[in-house]
Amino acid sequence: MATAAARARSASYLNDLGRAFGGALLFGIPLLMTMEMWSQGVAMDRWRLLAFIAAGLPLLLGLAHYAGFSDRRGLLNDSLDTAVALAVGFGTAAGLLTLFGVVRGDTSLTGFIGMVTLQAIPGAMGALLARRQLAGAGGGETDEGSASYTGELFLMAAGALFLGLNVAPTEEMVLIAYKATPLHALGLILLSLGLLHLIVFRAGFAGQEEADHPVKAFFHFTLPGYAIALAVSLFVLFVFGRMDGHWLPGMVQSVIVLGFPAAIGAAAARLLV
C-alpha cells in the first residue's frame, strides 16, 4: 500500500514537473527568440541583472503561493516550488539558447550566465503558472480566489511584469515612444485606464472582480492597478537601460508606452493565475 501511494505521488510530481516545463516554454519562447534579450544578457550591467533577480525572487515566491505548479502550500513548499521553477527556467533557457545557436562554444562564461539568468525568471514564472494554464479539467484550481486586497494588487504586478517583459527589450518600444506626441501619450493613458477597468469589471472574464459601484471600483482597483503597471514599467525600463541618456519627458513617454501592455497584463492577471 505504501509503495503504491509512493508511486502515485511520484507520478503526480512528474506530471507537475512536466507541466512546469510546458509553462516555461509557453511563457518563455517569445523572449528566448528575441534578439534584444540575447544582447541584453551579455551587455547588461551585472548590478542591473542582480536588481532584476532581487525583484524576481519574491515575485516567484508569491506566485508559488497563489498558483504554483503543484497543489502543496505553506512557506516550505512554496520555497521548494520556487526553487524547482527556477531550475526549470534555467534548464529551459540554457537548452533552447544552445539549440538556437545563440550560445556557442566560444560564448564567454559571463555572457552565458547573463543570457540564461535573464531568461530564467520569465521561464520560472511560466513554470509556476503552468497548473492553471495547462492542467486538465479540475486540475487548474489555484488560491487566487482567496487573495486579500494586497494579494490582488500583487497579482496585478505579476501580470504587468509578464506582459511588459515581452516588449520592453525591443527596439520597437523605443521607436513608439520616440514617435508619440503628448496627445498620443494622453490617449494611451486614457485607453490603458479604460481597458484595465473594462477587462477587470465589465467583460465577464473568469475571475473578474465584483463591484457594487463602478466609481468605487475605479478608485479601488483600476487606478491602483494602473499605478502598479507604470511602476513595473519604470523598473523594467531601468533594468534594460532604456532610461539612460534620456531627459525626463522622454522617460515619461517611454513609461506611458510600456504602461499600455503592462496595464492589460495587470487587468488580465486573474486569468493568468
Protein backbone atom coordinates (compact mmCIF):
# COMPACT_ATOMS: atom_id res chain seq x y z
CA MET A 1 0.00 0.00 0.00
CA ALA A 2 2.77 2.40 0.94
CA THR A 3 4.63 1.52 -2.23
CA ALA A 4 1.54 2.18 -4.35
CA ALA A 5 1.00 5.52 -2.59
CA ALA A 6 4.63 6.46 -3.15
CA ARG A 7 4.35 5.58 -6.84
CA ALA A 8 1.20 7.68 -7.12
CA ARG A 9 2.95 10.66 -5.50
CA SER A 10 5.93 10.25 -7.82
CA ALA A 11 3.68 10.07 -10.87
CA SER A 12 1.79 13.17 -9.71
CA TYR A 13 5.04 15.05 -9.16
CA LEU A 14 6.32 14.06 -12.61
CA ASN A 15 3.08 15.38 -14.10
CA ASP A 16 3.55 18.64 -12.19
CA LEU A 17 7.13 18.86 -13.41
CA GLY A 18 6.11 18.16 -17.00
CA ARG A 19 3.54 20.95 -16.85
CA ALA A 20 6.20 23.23 -15.37
CA PHE A 21 8.45 22.69 -18.41
CA GLY A 22 5.46 23.24 -20.67
CA GLY A 23 4.65 26.51 -18.90
CA ALA A 24 8.26 27.66 -19.12
CA LEU A 25 8.17 27.06 -22.88
CA LEU A 26 4.79 28.73 -23.33
CA PHE A 27 5.76 31.87 -21.42
CA GLY A 28 9.45 31.96 -22.30
CA ILE A 29 9.67 31.32 -26.05
CA PRO A 30 8.78 34.90 -27.13
CA LEU A 31 11.72 36.20 -25.09
CA LEU A 32 14.03 33.31 -25.92
CA MET A 33 13.59 34.16 -29.61
CA THR A 34 14.10 37.91 -29.17
CA MET A 35 17.50 39.21 -30.28
CA GLU A 36 17.48 42.15 -27.87
CA MET A 37 17.22 39.76 -24.92
CA TRP A 38 20.34 37.93 -26.12
CA SER A 39 22.36 41.14 -26.32
CA GLN A 40 20.99 42.41 -23.01
CA GLY A 41 22.13 39.24 -21.30
CA VAL A 42 25.68 39.89 -22.48
CA ALA A 43 25.90 43.68 -22.23
CA MET A 44 23.68 44.44 -19.26
CA ASP A 45 25.46 45.80 -16.18
CA ARG A 46 25.67 42.99 -13.65
CA TRP A 47 24.18 45.16 -10.92
CA ARG A 48 21.09 45.68 -13.09
CA LEU A 49 20.84 41.93 -13.57
CA LEU A 50 21.14 41.47 -9.80
CA ALA A 51 18.36 44.04 -9.29
CA PHE A 52 16.18 42.07 -11.70
CA ILE A 53 16.86 38.85 -9.82
CA ALA A 54 16.27 40.53 -6.45
CA ALA A 55 12.85 41.71 -7.64
CA GLY A 56 12.08 38.41 -9.35
CA LEU A 57 12.66 36.07 -6.41
CA PRO A 58 9.92 37.43 -4.11
CA LEU A 59 7.62 37.65 -7.12
CA LEU A 60 8.18 33.96 -7.86
CA LEU A 61 7.63 33.06 -4.21
CA GLY A 62 4.32 34.93 -4.27
CA LEU A 63 3.26 33.18 -7.47
CA ALA A 64 4.15 29.85 -5.87
CA HIS A 65 1.78 30.74 -3.03
CA TYR A 66 -1.15 31.73 -5.25
CA ALA A 67 -0.63 29.36 -8.17
CA GLY A 68 2.35 27.02 -8.04
CA PHE A 69 2.85 24.03 -10.31
CA SER A 70 1.76 21.64 -7.55
CA ASP A 71 -1.09 21.67 -5.03
CA ARG A 72 1.18 21.83 -1.97
CA ARG A 73 1.08 25.02 0.12
CA GLY A 74 2.99 26.55 3.04
CA LEU A 75 6.24 28.52 3.18
CA LEU A 76 8.46 25.45 2.84
CA ASN A 77 6.53 24.01 -0.10
CA ASP A 78 6.24 27.43 -1.74
CA SER A 79 10.01 27.85 -1.42
CA LEU A 80 10.60 24.39 -2.88
CA ASP A 81 8.25 25.13 -5.77
CA THR A 82 10.11 28.38 -6.39
CA ALA A 83 13.47 26.61 -6.40
CA VAL A 84 12.23 23.92 -8.79
CA ALA A 85 10.63 26.55 -11.04
CA LEU A 86 13.95 28.41 -11.19
CA ALA A 87 15.74 25.18 -12.08
CA VAL A 88 13.18 24.61 -14.85
CA GLY A 89 13.65 28.19 -16.06
CA PHE A 90 17.43 27.90 -16.12
CA GLY A 91 17.34 24.49 -17.80
CA THR A 92 14.85 25.57 -20.46
CA ALA A 93 16.75 28.78 -21.23
CA ALA A 94 20.15 27.07 -21.42
CA GLY A 95 18.84 24.24 -23.59
CA LEU A 96 16.93 26.35 -26.10
CA LEU A 97 19.55 29.10 -26.39
CA THR A 98 22.08 26.39 -27.18
CA LEU A 99 19.71 24.72 -29.64
CA PHE A 100 19.06 28.08 -31.34
CA GLY A 101 22.80 28.58 -31.78
CA VAL A 102 22.79 31.69 -29.58
CA VAL A 103 25.09 30.02 -27.06
CA ARG A 104 28.15 28.60 -28.80
CA GLY A 105 31.42 27.08 -27.77
CA ASP A 106 33.13 30.48 -27.98
CA THR A 107 30.49 32.22 -25.81
CA SER A 108 32.10 33.67 -22.71
CA LEU A 109 31.09 32.29 -19.32
CA THR A 110 29.81 35.68 -18.17
CA GLY A 111 27.80 36.09 -21.37
CA PHE A 112 26.30 32.62 -20.98
CA ILE A 113 25.38 33.23 -17.35
CA GLY A 114 23.88 36.63 -18.17
CA MET A 115 21.74 35.38 -21.06
CA VAL A 116 20.46 32.32 -19.22
CA THR A 117 19.80 34.16 -15.95
CA LEU A 118 17.87 36.94 -17.69
CA GLN A 119 15.67 34.37 -19.41
CA ALA A 120 15.27 32.12 -16.36
CA ILE A 121 12.95 34.47 -14.42
CA PRO A 122 10.16 34.62 -17.04
CA GLY A 123 10.63 30.90 -17.64
CA ALA A 124 10.18 30.25 -13.92
CA MET A 125 7.03 32.41 -13.96
CA GLY A 126 5.67 30.19 -16.70
CA ALA A 127 6.55 27.08 -14.73
CA LEU A 128 4.64 28.34 -11.70
CA LEU A 129 1.61 29.36 -13.75
CA ALA A 130 1.51 26.10 -15.68
CA ARG A 131 -1.00 24.33 -13.41
CA ARG A 132 -3.66 26.96 -14.15
CA GLN A 133 -2.90 27.18 -17.86
CA LEU A 134 -2.07 23.59 -18.81
CA ALA A 135 -3.85 21.34 -16.29
CA GLY A 136 -6.86 19.36 -17.41
CA ALA A 137 -10.35 19.69 -16.04
CA GLY A 138 -10.31 20.16 -12.30
CA GLY A 139 -6.54 20.40 -12.20
CA GLY A 140 -6.14 24.12 -12.51
CA GLU A 141 -7.62 25.33 -9.24
CA THR A 142 -5.46 27.93 -7.53
CA ASP A 143 -5.66 30.10 -4.44
CA GLU A 144 -6.09 33.48 -6.08
CA GLY A 145 -9.81 33.45 -5.29
CA SER A 146 -8.97 33.89 -1.60
CA ALA A 147 -6.43 36.65 -2.19
CA SER A 148 -6.65 39.73 0.02
CA TYR A 149 -6.71 43.24 -1.45
CA THR A 150 -2.91 43.35 -1.15
CA GLY A 151 -2.76 39.95 -2.81
CA GLU A 152 -4.91 41.23 -5.68
CA LEU A 153 -2.51 44.11 -6.22
CA PHE A 154 0.41 41.68 -6.14
CA LEU A 155 -1.24 39.57 -8.86
CA MET A 156 -1.68 42.75 -10.91
CA ALA A 157 2.04 43.45 -10.58
CA ALA A 158 2.85 39.90 -11.73
CA GLY A 159 0.58 40.26 -14.76
CA ALA A 160 2.06 43.64 -15.63
CA LEU A 161 5.60 42.26 -15.43
CA PHE A 162 4.72 39.21 -17.52
CA LEU A 163 3.32 41.20 -20.44
CA GLY A 164 5.69 44.15 -20.07
CA LEU A 165 8.75 41.90 -20.27
CA ASN A 166 7.69 40.66 -23.69
CA VAL A 167 8.07 44.10 -25.29
CA ALA A 168 10.36 46.12 -23.02
CA PRO A 169 13.67 44.91 -24.53
CA THR A 170 12.62 45.54 -28.14
CA GLU A 171 13.65 48.48 -30.29
CA GLU A 172 10.05 48.94 -31.41
CA MET A 173 9.03 50.05 -27.91
CA VAL A 174 11.67 52.80 -28.01
CA LEU A 175 10.58 53.82 -31.52
CA ILE A 176 6.93 54.09 -30.49
CA ALA A 177 7.89 56.25 -27.51
CA TYR A 178 10.01 58.46 -29.78
CA LYS A 179 7.23 58.93 -32.34
CA ALA A 180 4.47 59.54 -29.80
CA THR A 181 3.37 63.12 -29.17
CA PRO A 182 1.93 64.36 -25.86
CA LEU A 183 -1.53 63.90 -27.39
CA HIS A 184 -0.69 60.28 -28.23
CA ALA A 185 0.57 59.76 -24.68
CA LEU A 186 -2.66 61.16 -23.24
CA GLY A 187 -4.65 58.87 -25.50
CA LEU A 188 -2.60 55.86 -24.33
CA ILE A 189 -3.23 56.77 -20.69
CA LEU A 190 -6.98 57.00 -21.23
CA LEU A 191 -7.06 53.81 -23.29
CA SER A 192 -4.97 51.94 -20.70
CA LEU A 193 -7.28 53.01 -17.88
CA GLY A 194 -10.38 52.22 -19.91
CA LEU A 195 -9.25 48.76 -20.96
CA LEU A 196 -8.00 47.90 -17.48
CA HIS A 197 -11.35 48.84 -15.98
CA LEU A 198 -13.30 47.10 -18.74
CA ILE A 199 -11.36 43.84 -18.63
CA VAL A 200 -11.48 43.51 -14.85
CA PHE A 201 -15.03 44.65 -14.18
CA ARG A 202 -17.14 44.60 -17.32
CA ALA A 203 -16.02 41.99 -19.84
CA GLY A 204 -17.31 38.96 -17.92
CA PHE A 205 -14.00 37.11 -17.79
CA ALA A 206 -13.48 34.38 -15.22
CA GLY A 207 -12.00 35.80 -12.05
CA GLN A 208 -13.32 39.33 -12.60
CA GLU A 209 -13.92 41.48 -9.54
CA GLU A 210 -17.42 42.16 -8.31
CA ALA A 211 -18.14 45.82 -7.70
CA ASP A 212 -21.32 47.44 -6.39
CA HIS A 213 -20.43 50.82 -7.84
CA PRO A 214 -18.25 51.45 -10.92
CA VAL A 215 -16.79 54.65 -9.49
CA LYS A 216 -15.77 52.92 -6.28
CA ALA A 217 -14.31 50.06 -8.31
CA PHE A 218 -12.37 52.52 -10.45
CA PHE A 219 -10.66 54.11 -7.45
CA HIS A 220 -10.27 50.83 -5.56
CA PHE A 221 -8.72 48.70 -8.29
CA THR A 222 -8.34 50.43 -11.65
CA LEU A 223 -6.28 53.44 -10.57
CA PRO A 224 -4.01 51.43 -8.22
CA GLY A 225 -3.67 48.79 -10.95
CA TYR A 226 -2.55 51.38 -13.49
CA ALA A 227 -0.13 52.91 -10.99
CA ILE A 228 1.34 49.43 -10.45
CA ALA A 229 1.62 48.92 -14.22
CA LEU A 230 3.51 52.22 -14.54
CA ALA A 231 5.81 51.36 -11.62
CA VAL A 232 6.58 47.94 -13.13
CA SER A 233 7.22 49.60 -16.50
CA LEU A 234 9.62 52.09 -14.92
CA PHE A 235 11.53 49.29 -13.20
CA VAL A 236 11.78 47.14 -16.33
CA LEU A 237 12.93 50.09 -18.45
CA PHE A 238 15.53 50.92 -15.82
CA VAL A 239 16.80 47.33 -15.73
CA PHE A 240 17.17 47.23 -19.52
CA GLY A 241 18.89 50.62 -19.59
CA ARG A 242 16.11 52.24 -21.60
CA MET A 243 16.21 55.31 -19.36
CA ASP A 244 19.89 56.03 -19.87
CA GLY A 245 20.63 59.32 -21.62
CA HIS A 246 17.01 60.47 -21.81
CA TRP A 247 15.51 63.67 -20.46
CA LEU A 248 12.53 63.46 -18.13
CA PRO A 249 9.89 63.95 -20.87
CA GLY A 250 11.37 61.08 -22.85
CA MET A 251 11.40 58.86 -19.77
CA VAL A 252 7.77 59.65 -19.02
CA GLN A 253 6.83 58.93 -22.62
CA SER A 254 8.56 55.54 -22.51
CA VAL A 255 6.87 54.58 -19.24
CA ILE A 256 3.44 55.50 -20.64
CA VAL A 257 4.04 53.49 -23.81
CA LEU A 258 5.19 50.38 -21.91
CA GLY A 259 2.43 51.01 -19.37
CA PHE A 260 -0.14 50.18 -22.07
CA PRO A 261 0.69 46.44 -22.40
CA ALA A 262 1.59 46.34 -18.70
CA ALA A 263 -1.89 47.63 -17.79
CA ILE A 264 -3.50 44.95 -19.95
CA GLY A 265 -1.32 42.36 -18.23
CA ALA A 266 -2.37 43.72 -14.84
CA ALA A 267 -6.04 43.56 -15.83
CA ALA A 268 -5.73 40.00 -17.12
CA ALA A 269 -3.65 38.81 -14.15
CA ARG A 270 -6.52 36.80 -12.68
CA LEU A 271 -6.85 34.99 -16.00
CA LEU A 272 -3.17 34.05 -15.92
CA VAL A 273 -3.00 32.73 -12.34
